[in-house]
PDB file of N, CA and C in Angstrom:
ATOM      1  N   MET A   1     -24.660 -16.967 -13.751  1.00  0.00           N
ATOM      2  CA  MET A   1     -25.532 -15.818 -13.140  1.00  0.00           C
ATOM      3  C   MET A   1     -25.771 -14.694 -13.962  1.00  0.00           C
ATOM      4  N   PRO A   2     -27.091 -14.103 -14.309  1.00  0.00           N
ATOM      5  CA  PRO A   2     -27.241 -12.950 -15.126  1.00  0.00           C
ATOM      6  C   PRO A   2     -26.469 -11.872 -14.391  1.00  0.00           C
ATOM      7  N   ASN A   3     -26.111 -10.735 -15.262  1.00  0.00           N
ATOM      8  CA  ASN A   3     -25.628  -9.693 -14.677  1.00  0.00           C
ATOM      9  C   ASN A   3     -26.679  -8.780 -14.092  1.00  0.00           C
ATOM     10  N   THR A   4     -27.296  -8.960 -12.930  1.00  0.00           N
ATOM     11  CA  THR A   4     -28.295  -8.337 -12.305  1.00  0.00           C
ATOM     12  C   THR A   4     -27.901  -7.005 -11.523  1.00  0.00           C
ATOM     13  N   LYS A   5     -28.831  -6.013 -11.692  1.00  0.00           N
ATOM     14  CA  LYS A   5     -28.528  -4.661 -10.999  1.00  0.00           C
ATOM     15  C   LYS A   5     -28.970  -4.864  -9.612  1.00  0.00           C
ATOM     16  N   ALA A   6     -28.377  -4.448  -8.542  1.00  0.00           N
ATOM     17  CA  ALA A   6     -28.758  -4.737  -7.027  1.00  0.00           C
ATOM     18  C   ALA A   6     -28.516  -3.432  -6.321  1.00  0.00           C
ATOM     19  N   THR A   7     -29.304  -3.168  -5.437  1.00  0.00           N
ATOM     20  CA  THR A   7     -28.977  -2.043  -4.391  1.00  0.00           C
ATOM     21  C   THR A   7     -28.623  -2.627  -2.961  1.00  0.00           C
ATOM     22  N   LEU A   8     -27.335  -2.316  -2.701  1.00  0.00           N
ATOM     23  CA  LEU A   8     -26.713  -2.897  -1.483  1.00  0.00           C
ATOM     24  C   LEU A   8     -27.557  -2.437  -0.191  1.00  0.00           C
ATOM     25  N   GLU A   9     -27.751  -3.364   0.723  1.00  0.00           N
ATOM     26  CA  GLU A   9     -28.561  -3.039   1.871  1.00  0.00           C
ATOM     27  C   GLU A   9     -27.529  -2.616   3.034  1.00  0.00           C
ATOM     28  N   ARG A  10     -26.373  -2.992   3.004  1.00  0.00           N
ATOM     29  CA  ARG A  10     -25.354  -2.443   4.026  1.00  0.00           C
ATOM     30  C   ARG A  10     -24.087  -2.335   3.246  1.00  0.00           C
ATOM     31  N   PRO A  11     -23.955  -1.203   2.638  1.00  0.00           N
ATOM     32  CA  PRO A  11     -22.712  -0.827   1.850  1.00  0.00           C
ATOM     33  C   PRO A  11     -21.716  -0.419   2.986  1.00  0.00           C
ATOM     34  N   GLY A  12     -20.561  -0.985   2.798  1.00  0.00           N
ATOM     35  CA  GLY A  12     -19.315  -0.714   3.416  1.00  0.00           C
ATOM     36  C   GLY A  12     -18.873   0.887   3.171  1.00  0.00           C
ATOM     37  N   SER A  13     -18.037   1.102   4.082  1.00  0.00           N
ATOM     38  CA  SER A  13     -17.572   2.505   4.042  1.00  0.00           C
ATOM     39  C   SER A  13     -16.613   2.692   2.767  1.00  0.00           C
ATOM     40  N   ASP A  14     -15.993   1.574   2.155  1.00  0.00           N
ATOM     41  CA  ASP A  14     -15.252   1.657   0.963  1.00  0.00           C
ATOM     42  C   ASP A  14     -16.202   1.478  -0.217  1.00  0.00           C
ATOM     43  N   VAL A  15     -17.657   1.468  -0.262  1.00  0.00           N
ATOM     44  CA  VAL A  15     -18.397   1.615  -1.456  1.00  0.00           C
ATOM     45  C   VAL A  15     -18.850   2.863  -1.758  1.00  0.00           C
ATOM     46  N   ALA A  16     -18.565   3.048  -3.156  1.00  0.00           N
ATOM     47  CA  ALA A  16     -18.942   4.417  -3.763  1.00  0.00           C
ATOM     48  C   ALA A  16     -20.203   4.534  -3.876  1.00  0.00           C
ATOM     49  N   THR A  17     -21.058   3.518  -4.248  1.00  0.00           N
ATOM     50  CA  THR A  17     -22.349   3.758  -4.892  1.00  0.00           C
ATOM     51  C   THR A  17     -23.139   2.508  -3.974  1.00  0.00           C
ATOM     52  N   ALA A  18     -24.349   2.644  -3.715  1.00  0.00           N
ATOM     53  CA  ALA A  18     -25.030   1.694  -3.155  1.00  0.00           C
ATOM     54  C   ALA A  18     -25.659   0.658  -4.350  1.00  0.00           C
ATOM     55  N   VAL A  19     -25.537   1.133  -5.619  1.00  0.00           N
ATOM     56  CA  VAL A  19     -26.137   0.396  -6.758  1.00  0.00           C
ATOM     57  C   VAL A  19     -25.036  -0.248  -7.522  1.00  0.00           C
ATOM     58  N   ILE A  20     -25.078  -1.491  -7.688  1.00  0.00           N
ATOM     59  CA  ILE A  20     -24.021  -2.241  -8.242  1.00  0.00           C
ATOM     60  C   ILE A  20     -24.466  -3.429  -9.165  1.00  0.00           C
ATOM     61  N   ARG A  21     -23.861  -4.036  -9.958  1.00  0.00           N
ATOM     62  CA  ARG A  21     -24.172  -5.076 -10.832  1.00  0.00           C
ATOM     63  C   ARG A  21     -23.495  -6.368 -10.202  1.00  0.00           C
ATOM     64  N   SER A  22     -24.175  -7.490 -10.458  1.00  0.00           N
ATOM     65  CA  SER A  22     -23.666  -8.869  -9.997  1.00  0.00           C
ATOM     66  C   SER A  22     -22.160  -9.056 -10.651  1.00  0.00           C
ATOM     67  N   ALA A  23     -21.809  -8.717 -11.853  1.00  0.00           N
ATOM     68  CA  ALA A  23     -20.554  -8.885 -12.361  1.00  0.00           C
ATOM     69  C   ALA A  23     -19.468  -8.070 -11.706  1.00  0.00           C
ATOM     70  N   ASP A  24     -19.766  -6.743 -11.000  1.00  0.00           N
ATOM     71  CA  ASP A  24     -19.056  -6.082 -10.331  1.00  0.00           C
ATOM     72  C   ASP A  24     -18.511  -6.790  -8.999  1.00  0.00           C
ATOM     73  N   LEU A  25     -19.515  -7.447  -8.532  1.00  0.00           N
ATOM     74  CA  LEU A  25     -19.275  -8.102  -7.234  1.00  0.00           C
ATOM     75  C   LEU A  25     -18.421  -9.358  -7.370  1.00  0.00           C
ATOM     76  N   LEU A  26     -18.675 -10.124  -8.649  1.00  0.00           N
ATOM     77  CA  LEU A  26     -17.697 -11.230  -8.895  1.00  0.00           C
ATOM     78  C   LEU A  26     -16.451 -10.947  -9.410  1.00  0.00           C
ATOM     79  N   ARG A  27     -15.933  -9.729  -9.657  1.00  0.00           N
ATOM     80  CA  ARG A  27     -14.656  -9.300 -10.307  1.00  0.00           C
ATOM     81  C   ARG A  27     -13.535  -9.703  -9.573  1.00  0.00           C
ATOM     82  N   GLU A  28     -13.495  -9.886  -8.225  1.00  0.00           N
ATOM     83  CA  GLU A  28     -12.553 -10.335  -7.290  1.00  0.00           C
ATOM     84  C   GLU A  28     -12.210 -11.765  -7.466  1.00  0.00           C
ATOM     85  N   GLY A  29     -13.046 -12.492  -7.935  1.00  0.00           N
ATOM     86  CA  GLY A  29     -12.840 -13.756  -8.135  1.00  0.00           C
ATOM     87  C   GLY A  29     -13.089 -14.798  -6.889  1.00  0.00           C
ATOM     88  N   HIS A  30     -13.696 -14.261  -6.004  1.00  0.00           N
ATOM     89  CA  HIS A  30     -14.150 -14.992  -4.834  1.00  0.00           C
ATOM     90  C   HIS A  30     -15.646 -15.620  -4.817  1.00  0.00           C
ATOM     91  N   VAL A  31     -15.838 -16.680  -4.230  1.00  0.00           N
ATOM     92  CA  VAL A  31     -17.224 -17.058  -4.431  1.00  0.00           C
ATOM     93  C   VAL A  31     -17.854 -16.150  -3.549  1.00  0.00           C
ATOM     94  N   LEU A  32     -19.220 -15.904  -4.268  1.00  0.00           N
ATOM     95  CA  LEU A  32     -20.281 -14.857  -3.861  1.00  0.00           C
ATOM     96  C   LEU A  32     -21.447 -15.355  -3.470  1.00  0.00           C
ATOM     97  N   LEU A  33     -22.008 -14.938  -2.149  1.00  0.00           N
ATOM     98  CA  LEU A  33     -23.626 -15.284  -1.928  1.00  0.00           C
ATOM     99  C   LEU A  33     -24.128 -14.048  -1.942  1.00  0.00           C
ATOM    100  N   LEU A  34     -24.978 -13.839  -2.914  1.00  0.00           N
ATOM    101  CA  LEU A  34     -25.616 -12.629  -2.916  1.00  0.00           C
ATOM    102  C   LEU A  34     -27.096 -12.759  -2.240  1.00  0.00           C
ATOM    103  N   GLY A  35     -27.356 -12.251  -1.082  1.00  0.00           N
ATOM    104  CA  GLY A  35     -28.719 -12.451  -0.495  1.00  0.00           C
ATOM    105  C   GLY A  35     -29.638 -11.377  -1.008  1.00  0.00           C
ATOM    106  N   LEU A  36     -30.612 -11.666  -1.723  1.00  0.00           N
ATOM    107  CA  LEU A  36     -31.749 -10.817  -2.129  1.00  0.00           C
ATOM    108  C   LEU A  36     -32.815 -10.825  -1.174  1.00  0.00           C
ATOM    109  N   ALA A  37     -32.854 -11.525  -0.210  1.00  0.00           N
ATOM    110  CA  ALA A  37     -34.147 -11.608   0.720  1.00  0.00           C
ATOM    111  C   ALA A  37     -33.903 -11.270   2.422  1.00  0.00           C
ATOM    112  N   ASP A  38     -32.520 -10.887   2.475  1.00  0.00           N
ATOM    113  CA  ASP A  38     -31.996 -10.600   3.630  1.00  0.00           C
ATOM    114  C   ASP A  38     -32.450 -11.675   4.861  1.00  0.00           C
ATOM    115  N   ARG A  39     -32.039 -12.942   4.464  1.00  0.00           N
ATOM    116  CA  ARG A  39     -32.465 -13.856   5.311  1.00  0.00           C
ATOM    117  C   ARG A  39     -31.407 -14.328   6.303  1.00  0.00           C
ATOM    118  N   ALA A  40     -31.675 -14.308   7.617  1.00  0.00           N
ATOM    119  CA  ALA A  40     -30.607 -14.580   8.491  1.00  0.00           C
ATOM    120  C   ALA A  40     -30.005 -16.009   8.390  1.00  0.00           C
ATOM    121  N   GLU A  41     -30.819 -16.863   7.984  1.00  0.00           N
ATOM    122  CA  GLU A  41     -30.199 -18.333   7.851  1.00  0.00           C
ATOM    123  C   GLU A  41     -29.106 -18.468   6.813  1.00  0.00           C
ATOM    124  N   VAL A  42     -29.583 -17.451   5.742  1.00  0.00           N
ATOM    125  CA  VAL A  42     -28.487 -17.654   4.568  1.00  0.00           C
ATOM    126  C   VAL A  42     -27.428 -16.962   5.079  1.00  0.00           C
ATOM    127  N   ARG A  43     -27.165 -15.952   5.898  1.00  0.00           N
ATOM    128  CA  ARG A  43     -26.122 -15.282   6.399  1.00  0.00           C
ATOM    129  C   ARG A  43     -25.325 -16.280   7.379  1.00  0.00           C
ATOM    130  N   ASP A  44     -26.089 -16.902   8.217  1.00  0.00           N
ATOM    131  CA  ASP A  44     -25.514 -17.839   9.099  1.00  0.00           C
ATOM    132  C   ASP A  44     -24.915 -19.028   8.528  1.00  0.00           C
ATOM    133  N   ALA A  45     -25.488 -19.548   7.413  1.00  0.00           N
ATOM    134  CA  ALA A  45     -24.742 -20.644   6.657  1.00  0.00           C
ATOM    135  C   ALA A  45     -23.378 -20.280   6.023  1.00  0.00           C
ATOM    136  N   ALA A  46     -23.481 -19.137   5.446  1.00  0.00           N
ATOM    137  CA  ALA A  46     -22.049 -18.485   5.064  1.00  0.00           C
ATOM    138  C   ALA A  46     -21.196 -18.142   5.996  1.00  0.00           C
ATOM    139  N   ALA A  47     -21.499 -17.949   7.345  1.00  0.00           N
ATOM    140  CA  ALA A  47     -20.607 -17.503   8.270  1.00  0.00           C
ATOM    141  C   ALA A  47     -19.329 -18.422   8.603  1.00  0.00           C
ATOM    142  N   ALA A  48     -19.595 -19.548   8.401  1.00  0.00           N
ATOM    143  CA  ALA A  48     -18.331 -20.520   8.728  1.00  0.00           C
ATOM    144  C   ALA A  48     -17.375 -20.469   7.412  1.00  0.00           C
ATOM    145  N   TRP A  49     -17.696 -19.761   6.301  1.00  0.00           N
ATOM    146  CA  TRP A  49     -16.814 -19.814   5.261  1.00  0.00           C
ATOM    147  C   TRP A  49     -16.233 -18.284   5.179  1.00  0.00           C
ATOM    148  N   THR A  50     -16.370 -17.473   6.255  1.00  0.00           N
ATOM    149  CA  THR A  50     -15.773 -16.134   6.147  1.00  0.00           C
ATOM    150  C   THR A  50     -14.373 -16.338   5.579  1.00  0.00           C
ATOM    151  N   GLY A  51     -13.931 -15.537   4.676  1.00  0.00           N
ATOM    152  CA  GLY A  51     -12.446 -15.203   4.031  1.00  0.00           C
ATOM    153  C   GLY A  51     -12.446 -16.001   2.833  1.00  0.00           C
ATOM    154  N   ARG A  52     -13.515 -17.058   2.641  1.00  0.00           N
ATOM    155  CA  ARG A  52     -13.599 -17.760   1.427  1.00  0.00           C
ATOM    156  C   ARG A  52     -14.756 -17.168   0.555  1.00  0.00           C
ATOM    157  N   VAL A  53     -15.805 -16.857   1.221  1.00  0.00           N
ATOM    158  CA  VAL A  53     -17.054 -16.471   0.662  1.00  0.00           C
ATOM    159  C   VAL A  53     -17.528 -15.130   0.891  1.00  0.00           C
ATOM    160  N   ASN A  54     -17.671 -14.199  -0.151  1.00  0.00           N
ATOM    161  CA  ASN A  54     -18.089 -12.757  -0.113  1.00  0.00           C
ATOM    162  C   ASN A  54     -19.598 -12.824   0.116  1.00  0.00           C
ATOM    163  N   THR A  55     -20.102 -12.446   1.167  1.00  0.00           N
ATOM    164  CA  THR A  55     -21.318 -12.303   1.473  1.00  0.00           C
ATOM    165  C   THR A  55     -21.816 -10.848   1.348  1.00  0.00           C
ATOM    166  N   VAL A  56     -23.084 -10.786   0.371  1.00  0.00           N
ATOM    167  CA  VAL A  56     -23.542  -9.243   0.255  1.00  0.00           C
ATOM    168  C   VAL A  56     -25.076  -9.507   0.410  1.00  0.00           C
ATOM    169  N   THR A  57     -25.877  -8.541   1.221  1.00  0.00           N
ATOM    170  CA  THR A  57     -27.017  -8.379   1.062  1.00  0.00           C
ATOM    171  C   THR A  57     -27.460  -7.228   0.349  1.00  0.00           C
ATOM    172  N   ALA A  58     -28.467  -7.505  -0.740  1.00  0.00           N
ATOM    173  CA  ALA A  58     -28.930  -6.530  -1.488  1.00  0.00           C
ATOM    174  C   ALA A  58     -30.418  -6.612  -1.998  1.00  0.00           C
ATOM    175  N   ARG A  59     -31.072  -5.596  -2.545  1.00  0.00           N
ATOM    176  CA  ARG A  59     -32.371  -5.755  -3.020  1.00  0.00           C
ATOM    177  C   ARG A  59     -32.181  -5.743  -4.662  1.00  0.00           C
ATOM    178  N   SER A  60     -33.122  -6.500  -5.288  1.00  0.00           N
ATOM    179  CA  SER A  60     -33.044  -6.510  -6.826  1.00  0.00           C
ATOM    180  C   SER A  60     -34.590  -6.670  -7.205  1.00  0.00           C
ATOM    181  N   ASP A  61     -34.765  -6.386  -8.381  1.00  0.00           N
ATOM    182  CA  ASP A  61     -36.196  -6.390  -8.978  1.00  0.00           C
ATOM    183  C   ASP A  61     -36.371  -7.825  -9.582  1.00  0.00           C
ATOM    184  N   ARG A  62     -35.455  -8.617  -9.382  1.00  0.00           N
ATOM    185  CA  ARG A  62     -35.563  -9.997  -9.777  1.00  0.00           C
ATOM    186  C   ARG A  62     -36.607 -10.799  -8.629  1.00  0.00           C
ATOM    187  N   MET A  63     -37.581 -11.433  -9.079  1.00  0.00           N
ATOM    188  CA  MET A  63     -38.442 -12.048  -8.090  1.00  0.00           C
ATOM    189  C   MET A  63     -38.262 -13.495  -8.397  1.00  0.00           C
ATOM    190  N   ASP A  64     -37.427 -14.194  -9.216  1.00  0.00           N
ATOM    191  CA  ASP A  64     -37.408 -15.504  -9.187  1.00  0.00           C
ATOM    192  C   ASP A  64     -36.198 -16.116  -8.243  1.00  0.00           C
ATOM    193  N   VAL A  65     -35.617 -15.250  -7.855  1.00  0.00           N
ATOM    194  CA  VAL A  65     -34.490 -15.760  -6.886  1.00  0.00           C
ATOM    195  C   VAL A  65     -34.205 -14.857  -5.631  1.00  0.00           C
ATOM    196  N   ASP A  66     -33.692 -15.639  -4.500  1.00  0.00           N
ATOM    197  CA  ASP A  66     -33.539 -14.700  -3.260  1.00  0.00           C
ATOM    198  C   ASP A  66     -32.383 -15.051  -2.495  1.00  0.00           C
ATOM    199  N   ALA A  67     -31.280 -15.800  -3.256  1.00  0.00           N
ATOM    200  CA  ALA A  67     -30.160 -15.900  -2.859  1.00  0.00           C
ATOM    201  C   ALA A  67     -29.162 -16.750  -3.859  1.00  0.00           C
TER     202      ALA A  67
END
């Protein structure tokens, strides 16, 4: 995955900034689902994996991918 700059759609209270890079999201070593189109079916598919998959919804300038 390229180190993509993204703006978080739903930053948590522990997030210092809403702009982050994908490398920062991967730093924890967990599987990451980075949803760039805010599609409900993508979030629903990951819901069964809560605790194993970090799901983040964000916006990006990349037009070639959405999740």
